[in-house]
């Protein structure tokens, strides 16, 4: 077993992950947390974030004088229902003052976190892959690497903790050419058109948007399959050509939008979830069996592809 710690002094952040090396016969891994932290005090409060579609990140704070509090996802993704980020803090902490510990997990699948006060008034915190429903067959000479857990602390309340996390994400998680540059101003077609996607409305939006300085037009829902409402065609990868080209009977030319109407181009948003079976669906990639594939691709969804980068 190896424990990997990475320190980011400029962000006041430490990450931790665990690597299990198998030098013997095949073993079955059923639980392996990324992080465990023991605190020499009790009586803290735990703030977590819960919700659903359209009402994400509802804040909930619970006192933890005794017992155990579990925050977990078993839906196949980290999701908006239970966010893997949480805080453990003094009960009187506020935005500007108070001791606040922040935790997150760089993982998109089922996750588990718990804070427990033992009989001696000490608090133990763990975070990692959800053990329920998890199993990994680790063969001889194989290795299993857990996702990175992120830890930070601030005595300047919730704001100080948030600033630490923000610096860490901007410098070490966000990738690509836009990391340190202002993002393009974006216009999304959804609220203006909903499912009524056609060439006339898109061209009109693009022209007006350019005059206002908008740099990117996103064609949202309604362009694929027979997506005329929200009851069908999710996951259908066929372009719905007729509504896009009602005026001239030609297919939509993305390069025309890129050159004529937008400084940066046309982006197409595809809701890639499984369809409802009402229309023809392309075959979906087969999910890996337990014990197959990249160790960072756990069953029930998650991928740990966005590891933090030391700098």
C-alpha atoms as a PDB file:
ATOM      1  CA  UNK A   1       0.000   0.000   0.000  1.00  0.00           C
ATOM      2  CA  UNK A   2       1.247   3.458  -0.943  1.00  0.00           C
ATOM      3  CA  UNK A   3      -0.194   6.768   0.252  1.00  0.00           C
ATOM      4  CA  UNK A   4       0.457   9.640  -2.140  1.00  0.00           C
ATOM      5  CA  UNK A   5       0.356  13.212  -0.842  1.00  0.00           C
ATOM      6  CA  UNK A   6       0.778  16.307  -3.021  1.00  0.00           C
ATOM      7  CA  UNK A   7       1.121  19.757  -1.465  1.00  0.00           C
ATOM      8  CA  UNK A   8       0.011  22.938  -3.252  1.00  0.00           C
ATOM      9  CA  UNK A   9       1.357  25.732  -1.001  1.00  0.00           C
ATOM     10  CA  UNK A  10       0.035  28.604  -3.102  1.00  0.00           C
ATOM     11  CA  UNK A  11      -3.487  27.209  -2.744  1.00  0.00           C
ATOM     12  CA  UNK A  12      -3.271  25.906   0.849  1.00  0.00           C
ATOM     13  CA  UNK A  13      -4.378  22.525  -0.518  1.00  0.00           C
ATOM     14  CA  UNK A  14      -3.174  18.946   0.007  1.00  0.00           C
ATOM     15  CA  UNK A  15      -4.375  16.024  -2.083  1.00  0.00           C
ATOM     16  CA  UNK A  16      -4.167  12.382  -1.104  1.00  0.00           C
ATOM     17  CA  UNK A  17      -4.716   9.097  -2.893  1.00  0.00           C
ATOM     18  CA  UNK A  18      -3.957   5.466  -2.136  1.00  0.00           C
ATOM     19  CA  UNK A  19      -2.347   2.845  -4.375  1.00  0.00           C
ATOM     20  CA  UNK A  20      -2.801  -0.832  -3.644  1.00  0.00           C
ATOM     21  CA  UNK A  21      -0.076  -3.066  -5.116  1.00  0.00           C
ATOM     22  CA  UNK A  22      -0.739  -6.785  -5.310  1.00  0.00           C
ATOM     23  CA  UNK A  23       2.373  -8.968  -5.109  1.00  0.00           C
ATOM     24  CA  UNK A  24       0.479 -12.196  -4.408  1.00  0.00           C
ATOM     25  CA  UNK A  25      -2.571 -14.036  -5.667  1.00  0.00           C
ATOM     26  CA  UNK A  26      -5.643 -12.330  -7.090  1.00  0.00           C
ATOM     27  CA  UNK A  27      -7.593 -10.450  -4.434  1.00  0.00           C
ATOM     28  CA  UNK A  28     -10.995  -8.830  -4.393  1.00  0.00           C
ATOM     29  CA  UNK A  29     -11.012  -5.141  -3.407  1.00  0.00           C
ATOM     30  CA  UNK A  30     -14.330  -4.144  -1.890  1.00  0.00           C
ATOM     31  CA  UNK A  31     -13.408  -0.933  -0.078  1.00  0.00           C
ATOM     32  CA  UNK A  32     -10.479   1.477  -0.339  1.00  0.00           C
ATOM     33  CA  UNK A  33     -10.864   5.094   0.693  1.00  0.00           C
ATOM     34  CA  UNK A  34      -8.834   7.902  -0.822  1.00  0.00           C
ATOM     35  CA  UNK A  35      -8.539   9.884   2.390  1.00  0.00           C
ATOM     36  CA  UNK A  36      -8.771   9.460   6.142  1.00  0.00           C
ATOM     37  CA  UNK A  37      -8.245  12.349   8.513  1.00  0.00           C
ATOM     38  CA  UNK A  38      -8.458  12.155  12.313  1.00  0.00           C
ATOM     39  CA  UNK A  39      -9.169  15.381  14.155  1.00  0.00           C
ATOM     40  CA  UNK A  40      -8.457  15.741  17.901  1.00  0.00           C
ATOM     41  CA  UNK A  41     -11.804  17.345  18.663  1.00  0.00           C
ATOM     42  CA  UNK A  42     -15.542  16.770  18.447  1.00  0.00           C
ATOM     43  CA  UNK A  43     -18.595  18.996  18.336  1.00  0.00           C
ATOM     44  CA  UNK A  44     -18.005  20.235  14.801  1.00  0.00           C
ATOM     45  CA  UNK A  45     -20.673  20.983  12.213  1.00  0.00           C
ATOM     46  CA  UNK A  46     -20.833  19.463   8.719  1.00  0.00           C
ATOM     47  CA  UNK A  47     -22.075  21.410   5.708  1.00  0.00           C
ATOM     48  CA  UNK A  48     -22.979  19.504   2.560  1.00  0.00           C
ATOM     49  CA  UNK A  49     -24.841  20.241  -0.662  1.00  0.00           C
ATOM     50  CA  UNK A  50     -27.825  18.373  -2.049  1.00  0.00           C
ATOM     51  CA  UNK A  51     -30.499  18.845  -4.686  1.00  0.00           C
ATOM     52  CA  UNK A  52     -31.825  17.674  -8.033  1.00  0.00           C
ATOM     53  CA  UNK A  53     -32.186  18.903 -11.583  1.00  0.00           C
ATOM     54  CA  UNK A  54     -32.957  22.604 -11.627  1.00  0.00           C
ATOM     55  CA  UNK A  55     -32.294  23.023  -7.900  1.00  0.00           C
ATOM     56  CA  UNK A  56     -28.678  22.059  -7.418  1.00  0.00           C
ATOM     57  CA  UNK A  57     -26.378  22.836  -4.493  1.00  0.00           C
ATOM     58  CA  UNK A  58     -28.882  23.363  -1.684  1.00  0.00           C
ATOM     59  CA  UNK A  59     -26.868  23.907   1.453  1.00  0.00           C
ATOM     60  CA  UNK A  60     -27.473  21.773   4.528  1.00  0.00           C
ATOM     61  CA  UNK A  61     -25.640  22.099   7.858  1.00  0.00           C
ATOM     62  CA  UNK A  62     -25.854  19.492  10.613  1.00  0.00           C
ATOM     63  CA  UNK A  63     -24.270  19.472  14.048  1.00  0.00           C
ATOM     64  CA  UNK A  64     -22.192  16.403  14.838  1.00  0.00           C
ATOM     65  CA  UNK A  65     -21.765  16.178  18.633  1.00  0.00           C
ATOM     66  CA  UNK A  66     -21.933  12.363  18.550  1.00  0.00           C
ATOM     67  CA  UNK A  67     -22.541   9.591  16.070  1.00  0.00           C
ATOM     68  CA  UNK A  68     -21.902   9.369  12.339  1.00  0.00           C
ATOM     69  CA  UNK A  69     -22.963  11.383   9.299  1.00  0.00           C
ATOM     70  CA  UNK A  70     -22.738   9.768   5.841  1.00  0.00           C
ATOM     71  CA  UNK A  71     -22.797  11.626   2.516  1.00  0.00           C
ATOM     72  CA  UNK A  72     -23.018   9.295  -0.454  1.00  0.00           C
ATOM     73  CA  UNK A  73     -24.078   8.784  -4.042  1.00  0.00           C
ATOM     74  CA  UNK A  74     -25.285   5.441  -5.404  1.00  0.00           C
ATOM     75  CA  UNK A  75     -26.758   6.662  -8.693  1.00  0.00           C
ATOM     76  CA  UNK A  76     -23.711   6.016 -10.883  1.00  0.00           C
ATOM     77  CA  UNK A  77     -22.439   9.586 -10.854  1.00  0.00           C
ATOM     78  CA  UNK A  78     -21.429  12.290  -8.402  1.00  0.00           C
ATOM     79  CA  UNK A  79     -24.474  14.251  -9.538  1.00  0.00           C
ATOM     80  CA  UNK A  80     -26.366  17.211  -8.196  1.00  0.00           C
ATOM     81  CA  UNK A  81     -28.155  15.025  -5.636  1.00  0.00           C
ATOM     82  CA  UNK A  82     -25.201  14.677  -3.285  1.00  0.00           C
ATOM     83  CA  UNK A  83     -22.139  16.699  -4.152  1.00  0.00           C
ATOM     84  CA  UNK A  84     -18.777  15.130  -3.170  1.00  0.00           C
ATOM     85  CA  UNK A  85     -17.698  18.484  -1.719  1.00  0.00           C
ATOM     86  CA  UNK A  86     -18.374  19.131   1.977  1.00  0.00           C
ATOM     87  CA  UNK A  87     -17.036  21.188   4.873  1.00  0.00           C
ATOM     88  CA  UNK A  88     -16.321  20.406   8.527  1.00  0.00           C
ATOM     89  CA  UNK A  89     -16.214  23.549  10.618  1.00  0.00           C
ATOM     90  CA  UNK A  90     -16.699  25.168  13.969  1.00  0.00           C
ATOM     91  CA  UNK A  91     -20.390  25.722  14.748  1.00  0.00           C
ATOM     92  CA  UNK A  92     -19.929  29.499  14.866  1.00  0.00           C
ATOM     93  CA  UNK A  93     -18.092  29.755  11.526  1.00  0.00           C
ATOM     94  CA  UNK A  94     -19.411  32.290   9.037  1.00  0.00           C
ATOM     95  CA  UNK A  95     -18.322  33.734   5.715  1.00  0.00           C
ATOM     96  CA  UNK A  96     -15.496  35.823   7.170  1.00  0.00           C
ATOM     97  CA  UNK A  97     -14.292  33.997  10.287  1.00  0.00           C
ATOM     98  CA  UNK A  98     -14.075  30.597  11.930  1.00  0.00           C
ATOM     99  CA  UNK A  99     -12.189  27.364  11.331  1.00  0.00           C
ATOM    100  CA  UNK A 100     -13.291  25.589   8.155  1.00  0.00           C
ATOM    101  CA  UNK A 101     -11.944  22.365   6.629  1.00  0.00           C
ATOM    102  CA  UNK A 102     -12.971  21.715   3.023  1.00  0.00           C
ATOM    103  CA  UNK A 103     -12.967  18.323   1.269  1.00  0.00           C
ATOM    104  CA  UNK A 104     -13.613  17.197  -2.277  1.00  0.00           C
ATOM    105  CA  UNK A 105     -13.053  14.129  -4.448  1.00  0.00           C
ATOM    106  CA  UNK A 106     -11.750  14.225  -8.020  1.00  0.00           C
ATOM    107  CA  UNK A 107     -14.117  11.545  -9.223  1.00  0.00           C
ATOM    108  CA  UNK A 108     -17.323  11.452 -11.253  1.00  0.00           C
ATOM    109  CA  UNK A 109     -18.834   8.165 -10.047  1.00  0.00           C
ATOM    110  CA  UNK A 110     -20.454   6.788  -6.916  1.00  0.00           C
ATOM    111  CA  UNK A 111     -18.785   8.402  -3.917  1.00  0.00           C
ATOM    112  CA  UNK A 112     -18.845   8.061  -0.156  1.00  0.00           C
ATOM    113  CA  UNK A 113     -17.862  10.370   2.682  1.00  0.00           C
ATOM    114  CA  UNK A 114     -18.424  10.052   6.417  1.00  0.00           C
ATOM    115  CA  UNK A 115     -17.685  12.030   9.556  1.00  0.00           C
ATOM    116  CA  UNK A 116     -17.853  10.160  12.851  1.00  0.00           C
ATOM    117  CA  UNK A 117     -17.262  11.158  16.467  1.00  0.00           C
ATOM    118  CA  UNK A 118     -15.892   8.316  18.574  1.00  0.00           C
ATOM    119  CA  UNK A 119     -16.256   7.550  22.284  1.00  0.00           C
ATOM    120  CA  UNK A 120     -13.317   9.821  23.119  1.00  0.00           C
ATOM    121  CA  UNK A 121     -14.735  12.896  21.400  1.00  0.00           C
ATOM    122  CA  UNK A 122     -12.429  12.680  18.370  1.00  0.00           C
ATOM    123  CA  UNK A 123     -13.657  13.095  14.787  1.00  0.00           C
ATOM    124  CA  UNK A 124     -12.691  10.804  11.904  1.00  0.00           C
ATOM    125  CA  UNK A 125     -13.353  11.815   8.297  1.00  0.00           C
ATOM    126  CA  UNK A 126     -13.099   9.488   5.292  1.00  0.00           C
ATOM    127  CA  UNK A 127     -13.780  10.019   1.587  1.00  0.00           C
ATOM    128  CA  UNK A 128     -13.518   7.853  -1.505  1.00  0.00           C
ATOM    129  CA  UNK A 129     -15.291   5.523  -3.910  1.00  0.00           C
ATOM    130  CA  UNK A 130     -18.670   4.259  -2.711  1.00  0.00           C
ATOM    131  CA  UNK A 131     -18.025   0.751  -1.320  1.00  0.00           C
ATOM    132  CA  UNK A 132     -21.614  -0.418  -1.730  1.00  0.00           C
ATOM    133  CA  UNK A 133     -21.854  -2.244  -5.044  1.00  0.00           C
ATOM    134  CA  UNK A 134     -18.134  -1.885  -5.678  1.00  0.00           C
ATOM    135  CA  UNK A 135     -15.767  -4.762  -6.368  1.00  0.00           C
ATOM    136  CA  UNK A 136     -12.415  -4.825  -8.133  1.00  0.00           C
ATOM    137  CA  UNK A 137     -10.491  -7.986  -8.956  1.00  0.00           C
ATOM    138  CA  UNK A 138      -6.824  -7.133  -8.519  1.00  0.00           C
ATOM    139  CA  UNK A 139      -4.589  -9.692 -10.162  1.00  0.00           C
ATOM    140  CA  UNK A 140      -1.007 -10.543  -9.281  1.00  0.00           C
ATOM    141  CA  UNK A 141       1.394  -7.647  -9.947  1.00  0.00           C
ATOM    142  CA  UNK A 142      -1.568  -5.361 -10.551  1.00  0.00           C
ATOM    143  CA  UNK A 143      -2.260  -2.003  -8.968  1.00  0.00           C
ATOM    144  CA  UNK A 144      -5.398  -0.124  -8.001  1.00  0.00           C
ATOM    145  CA  UNK A 145      -5.219   3.637  -7.614  1.00  0.00           C
ATOM    146  CA  UNK A 146      -7.971   5.562  -5.870  1.00  0.00           C
ATOM    147  CA  UNK A 147      -9.177   9.007  -6.961  1.00  0.00           C
ATOM    148  CA  UNK A 148      -7.496  11.998  -5.379  1.00  0.00           C
ATOM    149  CA  UNK A 149      -9.148  13.533  -2.349  1.00  0.00           C
ATOM    150  CA  UNK A 150      -8.692  17.284  -1.920  1.00  0.00           C
ATOM    151  CA  UNK A 151      -8.233  18.870   1.515  1.00  0.00           C
ATOM    152  CA  UNK A 152      -7.925  22.490   2.552  1.00  0.00           C
ATOM    153  CA  UNK A 153      -8.219  24.618   5.692  1.00  0.00           C
ATOM    154  CA  UNK A 154      -8.921  28.266   6.412  1.00  0.00           C
ATOM    155  CA  UNK A 155      -9.365  30.245   9.608  1.00  0.00           C
ATOM    156  CA  UNK A 156     -11.099  32.936   7.554  1.00  0.00           C
ATOM    157  CA  UNK A 157     -14.453  31.213   7.352  1.00  0.00           C
ATOM    158  CA  UNK A 158     -16.285  29.830   4.355  1.00  0.00           C
ATOM    159  CA  UNK A 159     -14.958  32.531   2.042  1.00  0.00           C
ATOM    160  CA  UNK A 160     -11.334  31.687   2.815  1.00  0.00           C
ATOM    161  CA  UNK A 161     -11.985  27.994   2.229  1.00  0.00           C
ATOM    162  CA  UNK A 162     -13.783  28.724  -1.041  1.00  0.00           C
ATOM    163  CA  UNK A 163     -10.912  30.889  -2.274  1.00  0.00           C
ATOM    164  CA  UNK A 164      -8.435  28.075  -1.591  1.00  0.00           C
ATOM    165  CA  UNK A 165     -10.539  25.604  -3.569  1.00  0.00           C
ATOM    166  CA  UNK A 166     -11.091  28.056  -6.403  1.00  0.00           C
ATOM    167  CA  UNK A 167      -7.362  28.718  -6.778  1.00  0.00           C
ATOM    168  CA  UNK A 168      -6.658  24.992  -6.776  1.00  0.00           C
ATOM    169  CA  UNK A 169      -9.264  24.198  -9.437  1.00  0.00           C
ATOM    170  CA  UNK A 170      -8.245  27.078 -11.699  1.00  0.00           C
ATOM    171  CA  UNK A 171      -4.533  26.283 -11.545  1.00  0.00           C
ATOM    172  CA  UNK A 172      -4.451  22.502 -11.345  1.00  0.00           C
ATOM    173  CA  UNK A 173      -7.740  21.040 -12.604  1.00  0.00           C
ATOM    174  CA  UNK A 174      -8.947  23.267 -15.442  1.00  0.00           C
ATOM    175  CA  UNK A 175      -7.214  22.419 -18.718  1.00  0.00           C
ATOM    176  CA  UNK A 176      -6.969  23.779 -22.214  1.00  0.00           C
ATOM    177  CA  UNK A 177      -6.258  27.115 -23.830  1.00  0.00           C
ATOM    178  CA  UNK A 178      -9.048  28.848 -21.905  1.00  0.00           C
ATOM    179  CA  UNK A 179      -7.663  28.119 -18.461  1.00  0.00           C
ATOM    180  CA  UNK A 180      -6.032  31.526 -18.017  1.00  0.00           C
ATOM    181  CA  UNK A 181      -8.063  33.479 -20.563  1.00  0.00           C
ATOM    182  CA  UNK A 182     -11.536  35.038 -20.513  1.00  0.00           C
ATOM    183  CA  UNK A 183     -14.094  32.604 -21.918  1.00  0.00           C
ATOM    184  CA  UNK A 184     -16.039  33.512 -25.071  1.00  0.00           C
ATOM    185  CA  UNK A 185     -19.366  35.209 -24.506  1.00  0.00           C
ATOM    186  CA  UNK A 186     -21.931  32.497 -25.195  1.00  0.00           C
ATOM    187  CA  UNK A 187     -25.559  32.447 -26.328  1.00  0.00           C
ATOM    188  CA  UNK A 188     -27.566  29.251 -25.861  1.00  0.00           C
ATOM    189  CA  UNK A 189     -30.557  28.571 -28.106  1.00  0.00           C
ATOM    190  CA  UNK A 190     -32.640  26.753 -25.488  1.00  0.00           C
ATOM    191  CA  UNK A 191     -34.594  29.531 -23.780  1.00  0.00           C
ATOM    192  CA  UNK A 192     -35.260  31.291 -27.090  1.00  0.00           C
ATOM    193  CA  UNK A 193     -36.218  28.263 -29.200  1.00  0.00           C
ATOM    194  CA  UNK A 194     -36.720  25.253 -26.933  1.00  0.00           C
ATOM    195  CA  UNK A 195     -37.369  22.364 -29.388  1.00  0.00           C
ATOM    196  CA  UNK A 196     -38.271  24.637 -32.292  1.00  0.00           C
ATOM    197  CA  UNK A 197     -34.836  24.523 -33.935  1.00  0.00           C
ATOM    198  CA  UNK A 198     -34.748  25.782 -37.526  1.00  0.00           C
ATOM    199  CA  UNK A 199     -32.383  27.633 -39.789  1.00  0.00           C
ATOM    200  CA  UNK A 200     -34.293  30.902 -39.753  1.00  0.00           C
ATOM    201  CA  UNK A 201     -34.315  31.248 -35.973  1.00  0.00           C
ATOM    202  CA  UNK A 202     -30.666  30.218 -35.622  1.00  0.00           C
ATOM    203  CA  UNK A 203     -29.475  32.668 -38.275  1.00  0.00           C
ATOM    204  CA  UNK A 204     -31.507  35.457 -36.729  1.00  0.00           C
ATOM    205  CA  UNK A 205     -30.102  34.703 -33.278  1.00  0.00           C
ATOM    206  CA  UNK A 206     -26.545  34.498 -34.579  1.00  0.00           C
ATOM    207  CA  UNK A 207     -26.759  37.827 -36.378  1.00  0.00           C
ATOM    208  CA  UNK A 208     -28.260  39.642 -33.411  1.00  0.00           C
ATOM    209  CA  UNK A 209     -25.833  37.990 -31.033  1.00  0.00           C
ATOM    210  CA  UNK A 210     -22.808  39.047 -33.068  1.00  0.00           C
ATOM    211  CA  UNK A 211     -23.965  42.665 -33.022  1.00  0.00           C
ATOM    212  CA  UNK A 212     -24.011  42.464 -29.223  1.00  0.00           C
ATOM    213  CA  UNK A 213     -20.494  41.021 -29.033  1.00  0.00           C
ATOM    214  CA  UNK A 214     -21.466  37.393 -28.470  1.00  0.00           C
ATOM    215  CA  UNK A 215     -18.685  35.088 -29.664  1.00  0.00           C
ATOM    216  CA  UNK A 216     -20.225  31.618 -29.517  1.00  0.00           C
ATOM    217  CA  UNK A 217     -23.662  30.259 -30.370  1.00  0.00           C
ATOM    218  CA  UNK A 218     -24.668  26.953 -28.797  1.00  0.00           C
ATOM    219  CA  UNK A 219     -27.370  24.970 -30.571  1.00  0.00           C
ATOM    220  CA  UNK A 220     -28.970  23.141 -27.677  1.00  0.00           C
ATOM    221  CA  UNK A 221     -31.744  20.574 -27.460  1.00  0.00           C
ATOM    222  CA  UNK A 222     -34.037  19.713 -30.369  1.00  0.00           C
ATOM    223  CA  UNK A 223     -31.655  19.075 -33.264  1.00  0.00           C
ATOM    224  CA  UNK A 224     -31.343  15.277 -33.103  1.00  0.00           C
ATOM    225  CA  UNK A 225     -33.612  12.304 -33.746  1.00  0.00           C
ATOM    226  CA  UNK A 226     -37.298  13.239 -33.601  1.00  0.00           C
ATOM    227  CA  UNK A 227     -36.776  15.510 -30.654  1.00  0.00           C
ATOM    228  CA  UNK A 228     -39.927  17.619 -30.785  1.00  0.00           C
ATOM    229  CA  UNK A 229     -40.627  17.305 -27.056  1.00  0.00           C
ATOM    230  CA  UNK A 230     -38.981  16.067 -23.852  1.00  0.00           C
ATOM    231  CA  UNK A 231     -40.493  12.575 -24.015  1.00  0.00           C
ATOM    232  CA  UNK A 232     -38.351  10.969 -26.706  1.00  0.00           C
ATOM    233  CA  UNK A 233     -35.046  10.721 -28.608  1.00  0.00           C
ATOM    234  CA  UNK A 234     -32.541  11.336 -25.823  1.00  0.00           C
ATOM    235  CA  UNK A 235     -29.470   9.408 -26.962  1.00  0.00           C
ATOM    236  CA  UNK A 236     -30.400   9.403 -30.654  1.00  0.00           C
ATOM    237  CA  UNK A 237     -27.251  10.456 -32.502  1.00  0.00           C
ATOM    238  CA  UNK A 238     -28.930  11.067 -35.882  1.00  0.00           C
ATOM    239  CA  UNK A 239     -29.177  14.714 -36.918  1.00  0.00           C
ATOM    240  CA  UNK A 240     -32.727  15.897 -37.442  1.00  0.00           C
ATOM    241  CA  UNK A 241     -32.130  17.602 -40.794  1.00  0.00           C
ATOM    242  CA  UNK A 242     -35.623  18.678 -41.802  1.00  0.00           C
ATOM    243  CA  UNK A 243     -36.295  21.295 -39.091  1.00  0.00           C
ATOM    244  CA  UNK A 244     -32.783  22.675 -39.488  1.00  0.00           C
ATOM    245  CA  UNK A 245     -33.241  23.232 -43.205  1.00  0.00           C
ATOM    246  CA  UNK A 246     -36.913  24.014 -43.571  1.00  0.00           C
ATOM    247  CA  UNK A 247     -36.300  27.192 -45.550  1.00  0.00           C
ATOM    248  CA  UNK A 248     -34.035  25.931 -48.335  1.00  0.00           C
ATOM    249  CA  UNK A 249     -34.005  22.171 -47.996  1.00  0.00           C
ATOM    250  CA  UNK A 250     -30.257  22.114 -47.420  1.00  0.00           C
ATOM    251  CA  UNK A 251     -28.425  20.719 -44.460  1.00  0.00           C
ATOM    252  CA  UNK A 252     -27.042  23.041 -41.825  1.00  0.00           C
ATOM    253  CA  UNK A 253     -23.518  24.154 -42.643  1.00  0.00           C
ATOM    254  CA  UNK A 254     -21.605  24.699 -39.467  1.00  0.00           C
ATOM    255  CA  UNK A 255     -18.714  26.318 -41.308  1.00  0.00           C
ATOM    256  CA  UNK A 256     -21.076  29.035 -42.609  1.00  0.00           C
ATOM    257  CA  UNK A 257     -21.997  29.976 -39.066  1.00  0.00           C
ATOM    258  CA  UNK A 258     -18.376  29.798 -38.039  1.00  0.00           C
ATOM    259  CA  UNK A 259     -17.304  32.233 -40.766  1.00  0.00           C
ATOM    260  CA  UNK A 260     -20.300  34.529 -41.181  1.00  0.00           C
ATOM    261  CA  UNK A 261     -22.083  34.850 -37.874  1.00  0.00           C
ATOM    262  CA  UNK A 262     -19.698  34.138 -35.049  1.00  0.00           C
ATOM    263  CA  UNK A 263     -16.127  35.009 -34.200  1.00  0.00           C
ATOM    264  CA  UNK A 264     -15.512  31.586 -32.693  1.00  0.00           C
ATOM    265  CA  UNK A 265     -18.077  29.222 -34.098  1.00  0.00           C
ATOM    266  CA  UNK A 266     -21.119  27.112 -33.535  1.00  0.00           C
ATOM    267  CA  UNK A 267     -21.126  24.559 -30.754  1.00  0.00           C
ATOM    268  CA  UNK A 268     -23.562  21.662 -30.711  1.00  0.00           C
ATOM    269  CA  UNK A 269     -24.772  20.351 -27.368  1.00  0.00           C
ATOM    270  CA  UNK A 270     -25.848  16.708 -27.363  1.00  0.00           C
ATOM    271  CA  UNK A 271     -27.718  15.143 -24.474  1.00  0.00           C
ATOM    272  CA  UNK A 272     -26.026  11.756 -24.634  1.00  0.00           C
ATOM    273  CA  UNK A 273     -28.257   9.709 -22.381  1.00  0.00           C
ATOM    274  CA  UNK A 274     -30.001   6.469 -23.252  1.00  0.00           C
ATOM    275  CA  UNK A 275     -33.184   6.843 -25.277  1.00  0.00           C
ATOM    276  CA  UNK A 276     -36.658   5.652 -24.391  1.00  0.00           C
ATOM    277  CA  UNK A 277     -36.936   2.997 -27.089  1.00  0.00           C
ATOM    278  CA  UNK A 278     -39.516   4.866 -29.162  1.00  0.00           C
ATOM    279  CA  UNK A 279     -37.032   5.435 -31.962  1.00  0.00           C
ATOM    280  CA  UNK A 280     -34.035   3.663 -33.376  1.00  0.00           C
ATOM    281  CA  UNK A 281     -31.029   3.965 -31.102  1.00  0.00           C
ATOM    282  CA  UNK A 282     -27.401   3.252 -31.962  1.00  0.00           C
ATOM    283  CA  UNK A 283     -25.702   0.553 -29.911  1.00  0.00           C
ATOM    284  CA  UNK A 284     -24.154   1.945 -26.746  1.00  0.00           C
ATOM    285  CA  UNK A 285     -20.593   1.015 -25.707  1.00  0.00           C
ATOM    286  CA  UNK A 286     -20.548  -2.055 -23.520  1.00  0.00           C
ATOM    287  CA  UNK A 287     -19.820  -1.277 -19.896  1.00  0.00           C
ATOM    288  CA  UNK A 288     -16.608  -2.866 -18.563  1.00  0.00           C
ATOM    289  CA  UNK A 289     -17.044  -5.956 -16.476  1.00  0.00           C
ATOM    290  CA  UNK A 290     -15.938  -5.961 -12.868  1.00  0.00           C
ATOM    291  CA  UNK A 291     -12.185  -6.213 -12.807  1.00  0.00           C
ATOM    292  CA  UNK A 292     -11.672  -5.185 -16.444  1.00  0.00           C
ATOM    293  CA  UNK A 293     -10.196  -2.036 -17.921  1.00  0.00           C
ATOM    294  CA  UNK A 294      -8.531   0.976 -16.390  1.00  0.00           C
ATOM    295  CA  UNK A 295      -8.442   0.806 -12.564  1.00  0.00           C
ATOM    296  CA  UNK A 296      -9.585   4.404 -12.519  1.00  0.00           C
ATOM    297  CA  UNK A 297     -12.859   3.390 -14.218  1.00  0.00           C
ATOM    298  CA  UNK A 298     -14.889   1.889 -11.442  1.00  0.00           C
ATOM    299  CA  UNK A 299     -18.169   0.051 -11.966  1.00  0.00           C
ATOM    300  CA  UNK A 300     -21.321   2.174 -11.899  1.00  0.00           C
ATOM    301  CA  UNK A 301     -19.924   5.043 -13.831  1.00  0.00           C
ATOM    302  CA  UNK A 302     -17.121   7.142 -12.504  1.00  0.00           C
ATOM    303  CA  UNK A 303     -13.900   8.082 -14.169  1.00  0.00           C
ATOM    304  CA  UNK A 304     -10.929   9.627 -12.475  1.00  0.00           C
ATOM    305  CA  UNK A 305      -9.424  11.262 -15.542  1.00  0.00           C
ATOM    306  CA  UNK A 306      -8.906  14.786 -14.193  1.00  0.00           C
ATOM    307  CA  UNK A 307      -6.103  14.281 -11.752  1.00  0.00           C
ATOM    308  CA  UNK A 308      -4.575  17.380 -10.265  1.00  0.00           C
ATOM    309  CA  UNK A 309      -1.339  18.549 -11.799  1.00  0.00           C
ATOM    310  CA  UNK A 310       1.572  19.638  -9.596  1.00  0.00           C
ATOM    311  CA  UNK A 311       3.008  22.957 -10.687  1.00  0.00           C
END
